[in-house]
Amino acid sequence: MEDPAHDSSRRLKLLIEYDGADFVGWQIQPAAAGRSVQGTIQDAFKQFTGSDATVVGSGRTDSGVHARGQVAHAIVNTDLSPNKIFEALNGILPNDIAILRVSESDPLFHARYSARERRYSYTISLAPCAIDRRIALYVRYPLDVELMNECCTYIVGEHDFRAFTKSESEVNHYRCTVTLAAWKQRGNKLIFRIHANRFLHGMVRSLVGTMIDIGRGYFPVEQIQFALKSGNRSDAGHTAPAVGLVLEEVIYTHE
């Protein structure tokens, strides 16, 4: 156990993978809400250092959303090496969180504000699945993948995405720059990949839900362009469940 009186506070960079199915999301919530990824990692730090740690993620993934490449910075009070911290965290954390890497960080590095791009994927299964049921949305009806990829041509670029976020989102503006959006079919799986400088609350799931509605023939392909121009949530489609959404990677200007 570390001596809390010994101030050896420093900033670390963490690469984190988690299965979000049993979490209320990344961010700490009121105790009654349930487990958060952030809170669980902070508790693990306290268990082996004996002092509080502050862990800040690159973004606030929602309840049920997974991550293969979440990045966080941690301000901790310990003299342990990054390798020892890596071993300690993985020895304490539950099996639905894995720390993939621990490294020393520049004091000015901020996991959220230093990021220049986030990359998400969303997976749809076109056949019933058991093993993948926690990471893929099963869709039982045919989807026109060509139409869904045509939708992506409207998404790429800088746009106001207010029609694709929750109405209670508290942000200064709704403009995001999408650098990649595309669907690919691999066997019975449809995988959507989207890269952008920032994402609004529920944005990827709303885009996916709208494209599913277009792919199954509920809306014409032009509906996604119409929603982008109108800014009205009612002009977009449904919000897809969290189950298929994964934060894949966060890109920084200086790694």
Protein backbone atom coordinates (compact mmCIF):
# COMPACT_ATOMS: atom_id res chain seq x y z
CA MET A 1 0.00 0.00 0.00
CA GLU A 2 1.30 3.43 -0.91
CA ASP A 3 1.75 6.09 1.76
CA PRO A 4 -0.98 8.73 1.09
CA ALA A 5 1.18 11.37 2.73
CA HIS A 6 3.87 10.89 0.09
CA ASP A 7 2.91 13.13 -2.83
CA SER A 8 4.16 11.45 -6.00
CA SER A 9 1.24 12.54 -8.13
CA ARG A 10 1.72 12.11 -11.85
CA ARG A 11 -0.26 11.74 -15.07
CA LEU A 12 -0.58 8.43 -16.88
CA LYS A 13 -2.14 7.47 -20.21
CA LEU A 14 -4.34 4.36 -20.30
CA LEU A 15 -5.62 2.31 -23.23
CA ILE A 16 -8.77 0.49 -22.16
CA GLU A 17 -11.07 -2.19 -23.53
CA TYR A 18 -14.45 -2.95 -21.98
CA ASP A 19 -17.67 -4.84 -22.51
CA GLY A 20 -20.23 -2.14 -21.79
CA ALA A 21 -23.26 -4.42 -21.47
CA ASP A 22 -23.34 -4.32 -17.67
CA PHE A 23 -22.26 -0.70 -17.19
CA VAL A 24 -24.33 2.50 -17.07
CA GLY A 25 -21.69 3.99 -19.36
CA TRP A 26 -18.23 5.45 -18.97
CA GLN A 27 -19.11 8.32 -16.66
CA ILE A 28 -19.71 8.02 -12.92
CA GLN A 29 -23.42 8.18 -12.13
CA PRO A 30 -25.31 8.44 -8.83
CA ALA A 31 -24.74 5.28 -6.81
CA ALA A 32 -28.25 3.98 -7.44
CA ALA A 33 -27.75 4.10 -11.22
CA GLY A 34 -25.24 1.25 -11.30
CA ARG A 35 -21.63 0.55 -12.28
CA SER A 36 -19.63 2.97 -14.43
CA VAL A 37 -16.35 2.19 -16.16
CA GLN A 38 -14.73 5.38 -14.86
CA GLY A 39 -15.78 4.70 -11.27
CA THR A 40 -14.65 1.07 -11.40
CA ILE A 41 -11.17 2.05 -12.60
CA GLN A 42 -10.86 4.83 -10.01
CA ASP A 43 -11.84 2.36 -7.28
CA ALA A 44 -9.17 -0.06 -8.53
CA PHE A 45 -6.50 2.66 -8.35
CA LYS A 46 -7.52 3.49 -4.79
CA GLN A 47 -7.37 -0.16 -3.78
CA PHE A 48 -3.67 -0.54 -4.59
CA THR A 49 -2.38 3.03 -4.09
CA GLY A 50 -4.37 3.92 -0.98
CA SER A 51 -5.30 7.32 -2.39
CA ASP A 52 -7.89 8.78 -4.73
CA ALA A 53 -7.18 8.91 -8.46
CA THR A 54 -8.82 11.01 -11.16
CA VAL A 55 -9.49 9.14 -14.39
CA VAL A 56 -10.72 11.14 -17.42
CA GLY A 57 -11.81 9.41 -20.62
CA SER A 58 -11.71 10.58 -24.23
CA GLY A 59 -15.50 10.49 -24.36
CA ARG A 60 -18.59 9.44 -22.43
CA THR A 61 -19.78 6.20 -23.96
CA ASP A 62 -23.44 5.52 -23.11
CA SER A 63 -24.94 2.62 -21.21
CA GLY A 64 -24.30 -0.63 -23.06
CA VAL A 65 -21.70 0.81 -25.45
CA HIS A 66 -18.41 -1.08 -25.72
CA ALA A 67 -14.82 0.02 -26.31
CA ARG A 68 -11.75 -1.60 -27.81
CA GLY A 69 -9.71 1.60 -27.77
CA GLN A 70 -10.94 3.96 -25.07
CA VAL A 71 -8.17 6.32 -23.94
CA ALA A 72 -8.01 7.94 -20.51
CA HIS A 73 -5.55 9.96 -18.51
CA ALA A 74 -5.18 9.21 -14.83
CA ILE A 75 -3.79 11.56 -12.20
CA VAL A 76 -2.46 9.23 -9.53
CA ASN A 77 -0.33 9.30 -6.43
CA THR A 78 2.06 6.35 -6.73
CA ASP A 79 5.73 5.63 -7.43
CA LEU A 80 4.98 2.29 -9.11
CA SER A 81 6.24 1.79 -12.65
CA PRO A 82 3.74 1.72 -15.54
CA ASN A 83 4.26 -2.04 -15.83
CA LYS A 84 3.48 -2.59 -12.14
CA ILE A 85 0.40 -0.36 -12.44
CA PHE A 86 -0.68 -2.36 -15.52
CA GLU A 87 -0.37 -5.61 -13.56
CA ALA A 88 -2.11 -4.21 -10.48
CA LEU A 89 -5.08 -2.80 -12.39
CA ASN A 90 -5.66 -5.96 -14.39
CA GLY A 91 -5.35 -8.01 -11.21
CA ILE A 92 -8.09 -6.00 -9.49
CA LEU A 93 -10.51 -5.00 -12.25
CA PRO A 94 -13.48 -7.21 -13.16
CA ASN A 95 -13.20 -9.29 -16.31
CA ASP A 96 -15.38 -6.92 -18.35
CA ILE A 97 -12.62 -4.24 -18.22
CA ALA A 98 -9.08 -4.79 -19.51
CA ILE A 99 -6.25 -2.30 -19.35
CA LEU A 100 -4.30 -2.79 -22.58
CA ARG A 101 -1.51 -0.30 -21.94
CA VAL A 102 -0.21 2.08 -19.27
CA SER A 103 2.36 4.72 -20.11
CA GLU A 104 3.76 7.94 -18.71
CA SER A 105 1.99 11.00 -20.09
CA ASP A 106 2.95 14.55 -20.90
CA PRO A 107 1.58 16.76 -18.07
CA LEU A 108 -0.41 18.73 -20.67
CA PHE A 109 -2.01 15.65 -22.26
CA HIS A 110 -5.79 15.54 -21.84
CA ALA A 111 -7.60 12.41 -22.98
CA ARG A 112 -10.64 14.36 -24.13
CA TYR A 113 -9.38 17.76 -25.27
CA SER A 114 -6.15 16.55 -26.91
CA ALA A 115 -8.03 14.12 -29.19
CA ARG A 116 -8.43 15.08 -32.85
CA GLU A 117 -10.50 12.12 -34.06
CA ARG A 118 -12.69 9.36 -32.65
CA ARG A 119 -13.46 6.15 -34.53
CA TYR A 120 -16.54 4.02 -33.92
CA SER A 121 -17.97 0.86 -35.43
CA TYR A 122 -21.49 -0.54 -35.35
CA THR A 123 -22.13 -4.22 -36.14
CA ILE A 124 -25.36 -5.73 -37.42
CA SER A 125 -25.87 -9.49 -37.61
CA LEU A 126 -28.13 -10.66 -40.43
CA ALA A 127 -28.47 -14.10 -38.83
CA PRO A 128 -29.37 -15.14 -35.26
CA CYS A 129 -26.25 -15.19 -33.09
CA ALA A 130 -25.43 -16.42 -29.60
CA ILE A 131 -21.74 -15.70 -28.99
CA ASP A 132 -21.92 -12.26 -30.64
CA ARG A 133 -25.28 -11.25 -29.18
CA ARG A 134 -23.65 -8.70 -26.83
CA ILE A 135 -21.69 -6.94 -29.59
CA ALA A 136 -23.96 -7.16 -32.64
CA LEU A 137 -27.57 -6.14 -33.31
CA TYR A 138 -29.58 -8.92 -34.93
CA VAL A 139 -31.76 -7.56 -37.76
CA ARG A 140 -34.16 -10.15 -39.14
CA TYR A 141 -35.27 -8.33 -42.31
CA PRO A 142 -33.37 -7.69 -45.56
CA LEU A 143 -31.34 -4.48 -45.81
CA ASP A 144 -30.21 -2.71 -48.98
CA VAL A 145 -26.53 -2.12 -48.26
CA GLU A 146 -26.07 -0.03 -51.40
CA LEU A 147 -28.70 2.44 -50.20
CA MET A 148 -27.11 2.53 -46.75
CA ASN A 149 -23.74 3.35 -48.33
CA GLU A 150 -25.39 6.04 -50.42
CA CYS A 151 -26.55 7.58 -47.13
CA CYS A 152 -22.90 7.71 -46.06
CA THR A 153 -22.08 10.09 -48.92
CA TYR A 154 -24.39 12.65 -47.27
CA ILE A 155 -22.84 12.12 -43.83
CA VAL A 156 -19.17 12.70 -44.77
CA GLY A 157 -18.03 16.29 -44.36
CA GLU A 158 -18.83 19.06 -41.90
CA HIS A 159 -22.53 19.17 -41.02
CA ASP A 160 -24.93 20.21 -38.28
CA PHE A 161 -26.02 16.89 -36.74
CA ARG A 162 -28.65 18.22 -34.32
CA ALA A 163 -31.28 15.95 -35.95
CA PHE A 164 -29.18 12.97 -34.86
CA THR A 165 -28.71 13.72 -31.19
CA LYS A 166 -30.87 13.59 -28.09
CA SER A 167 -32.91 16.73 -27.60
CA GLU A 168 -31.52 17.29 -24.12
CA SER A 169 -27.89 17.35 -25.29
CA GLU A 170 -26.06 20.26 -23.66
CA VAL A 171 -23.47 21.37 -26.22
CA ASN A 172 -22.34 24.72 -27.58
CA HIS A 173 -22.91 23.65 -31.18
CA TYR A 174 -23.93 20.63 -33.24
CA ARG A 175 -21.34 20.75 -36.02
CA CYS A 176 -19.12 17.72 -36.52
CA THR A 177 -16.65 16.85 -39.26
CA VAL A 178 -17.00 13.26 -40.44
CA THR A 179 -13.96 12.01 -42.35
CA LEU A 180 -15.17 8.45 -43.03
CA ALA A 181 -18.54 6.70 -43.05
CA ALA A 182 -19.03 3.32 -44.76
CA TRP A 183 -20.81 -0.02 -44.50
CA LYS A 184 -19.07 -3.29 -45.37
CA GLN A 185 -20.56 -6.78 -45.44
CA ARG A 186 -18.53 -9.68 -44.06
CA GLY A 187 -20.49 -12.89 -44.26
CA ASN A 188 -23.61 -12.46 -42.14
CA LYS A 189 -22.30 -9.25 -40.56
CA LEU A 190 -22.76 -5.64 -41.68
CA ILE A 191 -20.13 -3.35 -40.15
CA PHE A 192 -20.47 0.42 -40.16
CA ARG A 193 -17.38 2.51 -39.53
CA ILE A 194 -17.44 6.22 -38.84
CA HIS A 195 -14.59 8.63 -38.01
CA ALA A 196 -15.13 12.21 -36.86
CA ASN A 197 -13.51 14.97 -34.86
CA ARG A 198 -16.37 14.81 -32.33
CA PHE A 199 -19.66 13.02 -31.75
CA LEU A 200 -22.87 14.21 -30.17
CA HIS A 201 -24.82 12.26 -27.57
CA GLY A 202 -26.46 9.32 -29.35
CA MET A 203 -25.29 10.53 -32.78
CA VAL A 204 -23.90 7.25 -34.14
CA ARG A 205 -26.87 5.22 -32.95
CA SER A 206 -29.31 7.73 -34.48
CA LEU A 207 -27.45 7.66 -37.80
CA VAL A 208 -27.39 3.87 -37.78
CA GLY A 209 -31.10 3.65 -36.92
CA THR A 210 -31.95 6.04 -39.75
CA MET A 211 -29.86 4.07 -42.22
CA ILE A 212 -31.52 0.83 -41.12
CA ASP A 213 -34.92 2.45 -41.75
CA ILE A 214 -33.73 3.51 -45.21
CA GLY A 215 -32.15 0.12 -45.90
CA ARG A 216 -35.40 -1.69 -45.17
CA GLY A 217 -37.44 0.72 -47.30
CA TYR A 218 -39.17 2.85 -44.65
CA PHE A 219 -37.67 6.10 -45.95
CA PRO A 220 -36.11 7.20 -49.25
CA VAL A 221 -32.33 7.66 -49.21
CA GLU A 222 -32.82 11.44 -49.42
CA GLN A 223 -34.36 11.39 -45.92
CA ILE A 224 -30.95 11.53 -44.28
CA GLN A 225 -30.04 14.63 -46.29
CA PHE A 226 -33.40 16.18 -45.44
CA ALA A 227 -32.85 15.56 -41.70
CA LEU A 228 -29.37 17.11 -41.87
CA LYS A 229 -30.82 20.25 -43.44
CA SER A 230 -33.89 20.53 -41.18
CA GLY A 231 -32.14 19.79 -37.89
CA ASN A 232 -35.33 18.20 -36.55
CA ARG A 233 -35.01 14.91 -34.67
CA SER A 234 -38.46 13.89 -35.94
CA ASP A 235 -37.12 13.88 -39.52
CA ALA A 236 -34.54 11.20 -38.69
CA GLY A 237 -35.20 7.52 -38.05
CA HIS A 238 -35.15 5.47 -34.86
CA THR A 239 -32.16 5.22 -32.53
CA ALA A 240 -30.41 1.87 -32.84
CA PRO A 241 -29.73 -0.04 -29.59
CA ALA A 242 -26.34 0.34 -27.90
CA VAL A 243 -25.49 -3.35 -28.33
CA GLY A 244 -23.60 -3.03 -31.65
CA LEU A 245 -21.66 0.16 -30.93
CA VAL A 246 -17.93 0.07 -30.17
CA LEU A 247 -15.42 2.90 -29.63
CA GLU A 248 -12.57 1.49 -31.70
CA GLU A 249 -9.83 4.10 -31.51
CA VAL A 250 -8.99 7.66 -30.48
CA ILE A 251 -6.43 9.59 -32.52
CA TYR A 252 -4.21 12.30 -31.06
CA THR A 253 -2.06 14.88 -32.81
CA HIS A 254 0.94 13.88 -30.69
CA GLU A 255 0.94 10.31 -29.48
